[in-house]
Amino acid sequence: QVQLVESWGGLVQAGGSLRLSCAASGSILRINDMGWYRQAPGKQRELVATFTTGGSTTYAASVKGRFTISRDNAKNTVYLQMISLKPEDTGVYYCNADVWEKAPMRRKDYWGQGTQVTVSS
């Protein structure tokens, strides 16, 4: 089994910044892509940013230029630096990881429990 634990959500005023982190632990052989998703009240979960094994990044159009995803492979951790936050960035932010597990050896998609980000106007 693998666990993803997100940290450092919170309440911030519009224009402010937050940095989310997500650490993976457990029976990990290799982590492929990692990413962040978010879900606003009454809306579907949407992709925010991804960081591939090869080092490529992708961003939702709504966050491009304001959010930066980074990754520390030695720590099995992915980060999301968010600046110039807007009220529409409010939601629960979820970490996602595509993981090869050691035992049993299998590839499985994992999600964190989510961390709340609230941006006040």
Protein backbone atom coordinates (compact mmCIF):
# COMPACT_ATOMS: atom_id res chain seq x y z
CA GLN A 1 0.00 0.00 0.00
CA VAL A 2 0.98 3.59 -0.63
CA GLN A 3 -0.15 6.72 1.17
CA LEU A 4 -0.21 10.28 -0.16
CA VAL A 5 -0.36 13.01 2.47
CA GLU A 6 -0.98 16.62 1.46
CA SER A 7 -0.01 19.58 3.61
CA TRP A 8 -0.19 23.37 3.83
CA GLY A 9 -3.57 24.28 2.51
CA GLY A 10 -5.32 27.14 4.28
CA LEU A 11 -7.05 30.49 4.09
CA VAL A 12 -5.42 33.34 2.20
CA GLN A 13 -6.52 36.68 0.82
CA ALA A 14 -6.76 37.28 -2.90
CA GLY A 15 -3.34 38.05 -4.30
CA GLY A 16 -1.64 35.93 -1.68
CA SER A 17 0.44 32.79 -1.96
CA LEU A 18 0.43 29.23 -0.70
CA ARG A 19 2.72 26.25 -1.21
CA LEU A 20 1.18 22.79 -1.08
CA SER A 21 3.20 19.64 -0.58
CA CYS A 22 2.34 15.98 -1.04
CA ALA A 23 4.55 13.18 0.25
CA ALA A 24 4.18 9.58 -0.87
CA SER A 25 5.20 6.73 1.39
CA GLY A 26 4.84 2.97 1.57
CA SER A 27 5.75 0.11 -0.70
CA ILE A 28 7.09 2.24 -3.55
CA LEU A 29 9.26 0.88 -6.32
CA ARG A 30 8.88 3.84 -8.65
CA ILE A 31 6.57 6.82 -9.07
CA ASN A 32 5.63 7.79 -12.59
CA ASP A 33 3.59 10.95 -13.11
CA MET A 34 2.50 13.08 -10.15
CA GLY A 35 -0.04 15.84 -10.21
CA TRP A 36 -2.48 18.14 -8.49
CA TYR A 37 -6.21 18.32 -9.03
CA ARG A 38 -8.85 20.47 -7.38
CA GLN A 39 -12.56 20.38 -6.77
CA ALA A 40 -14.62 23.47 -6.10
CA PRO A 41 -18.02 23.22 -4.37
CA GLY A 42 -20.63 21.94 -6.79
CA LYS A 43 -18.09 21.31 -9.54
CA GLN A 44 -16.22 18.33 -10.92
CA ARG A 45 -12.63 17.61 -10.02
CA GLU A 46 -10.27 19.23 -12.51
CA LEU A 47 -6.63 18.95 -13.41
CA VAL A 48 -4.41 21.73 -12.08
CA ALA A 49 -0.87 20.61 -12.96
CA THR A 50 1.17 17.50 -13.68
CA PHE A 51 4.86 16.60 -13.50
CA THR A 52 5.96 13.60 -15.52
CA THR A 53 8.78 11.18 -14.84
CA GLY A 54 10.67 12.77 -17.70
CA GLY A 55 10.44 16.21 -16.14
CA SER A 56 7.70 17.68 -18.30
CA THR A 57 5.02 19.86 -16.74
CA THR A 58 1.52 20.76 -17.83
CA TYR A 59 -0.88 23.31 -16.39
CA ALA A 60 -4.53 24.16 -16.64
CA ALA A 61 -5.00 27.35 -18.61
CA SER A 62 -6.57 29.04 -15.60
CA VAL A 63 -3.43 28.66 -13.47
CA LYS A 64 -0.66 29.00 -16.05
CA GLY A 65 1.79 31.69 -15.05
CA ARG A 66 0.60 31.69 -11.43
CA PHE A 67 1.16 28.11 -10.26
CA THR A 68 4.38 26.11 -10.41
CA ILE A 69 4.59 22.36 -9.87
CA SER A 70 7.87 20.83 -8.76
CA ARG A 71 9.05 17.46 -7.58
CA ASP A 72 11.70 15.95 -5.33
CA ASN A 73 12.15 12.35 -6.44
CA ALA A 74 14.46 11.51 -3.54
CA LYS A 75 11.68 12.42 -1.13
CA ASN A 76 8.79 11.12 -3.27
CA THR A 77 7.26 14.55 -2.85
CA VAL A 78 5.47 16.92 -5.20
CA TYR A 79 4.86 20.61 -4.53
CA LEU A 80 2.51 23.23 -5.87
CA GLN A 81 3.59 26.83 -5.48
CA MET A 82 0.59 29.13 -5.94
CA ILE A 83 0.90 32.91 -6.28
CA SER A 84 -1.55 35.67 -7.19
CA LEU A 85 -4.34 33.55 -5.82
CA LYS A 86 -7.91 34.35 -6.83
CA PRO A 87 -11.22 33.49 -5.14
CA GLU A 88 -11.93 31.10 -8.01
CA ASP A 89 -8.90 29.04 -6.93
CA THR A 90 -10.86 28.01 -3.84
CA GLY A 91 -11.43 24.29 -3.50
CA VAL A 92 -10.09 21.03 -2.17
CA TYR A 93 -6.73 20.23 -3.72
CA TYR A 94 -5.86 16.58 -4.26
CA CYS A 95 -2.51 15.01 -4.98
CA ASN A 96 -2.31 12.15 -7.45
CA ALA A 97 0.47 9.67 -8.17
CA ASP A 98 0.91 6.83 -10.65
CA VAL A 99 2.89 4.30 -8.62
CA TRP A 100 4.70 1.03 -9.25
CA GLU A 101 4.45 -0.86 -5.96
CA LYS A 102 7.05 -3.33 -4.70
CA ALA A 103 4.91 -6.08 -3.21
CA PRO A 104 2.78 -7.12 -4.79
CA MET A 105 4.45 -5.67 -7.88
CA ARG A 106 1.72 -3.70 -9.57
CA ARG A 107 0.96 -0.30 -11.04
CA LYS A 108 -1.75 1.65 -9.27
CA ASP A 109 -3.14 5.18 -9.18
CA TYR A 110 -3.28 6.82 -5.74
CA TRP A 111 -4.99 9.92 -4.37
CA GLY A 112 -4.37 11.95 -1.27
CA GLN A 113 -7.10 12.89 1.17
CA GLY A 114 -7.23 16.47 -0.05
CA THR A 115 -6.36 19.81 1.50
CA GLN A 116 -8.66 22.83 1.58
CA VAL A 117 -7.56 26.06 -0.07
CA THR A 118 -9.78 29.08 0.50
CA VAL A 119 -9.09 32.42 -1.14
CA SER A 120 -11.06 35.34 0.22
CA SER A 121 -11.84 38.42 -1.84
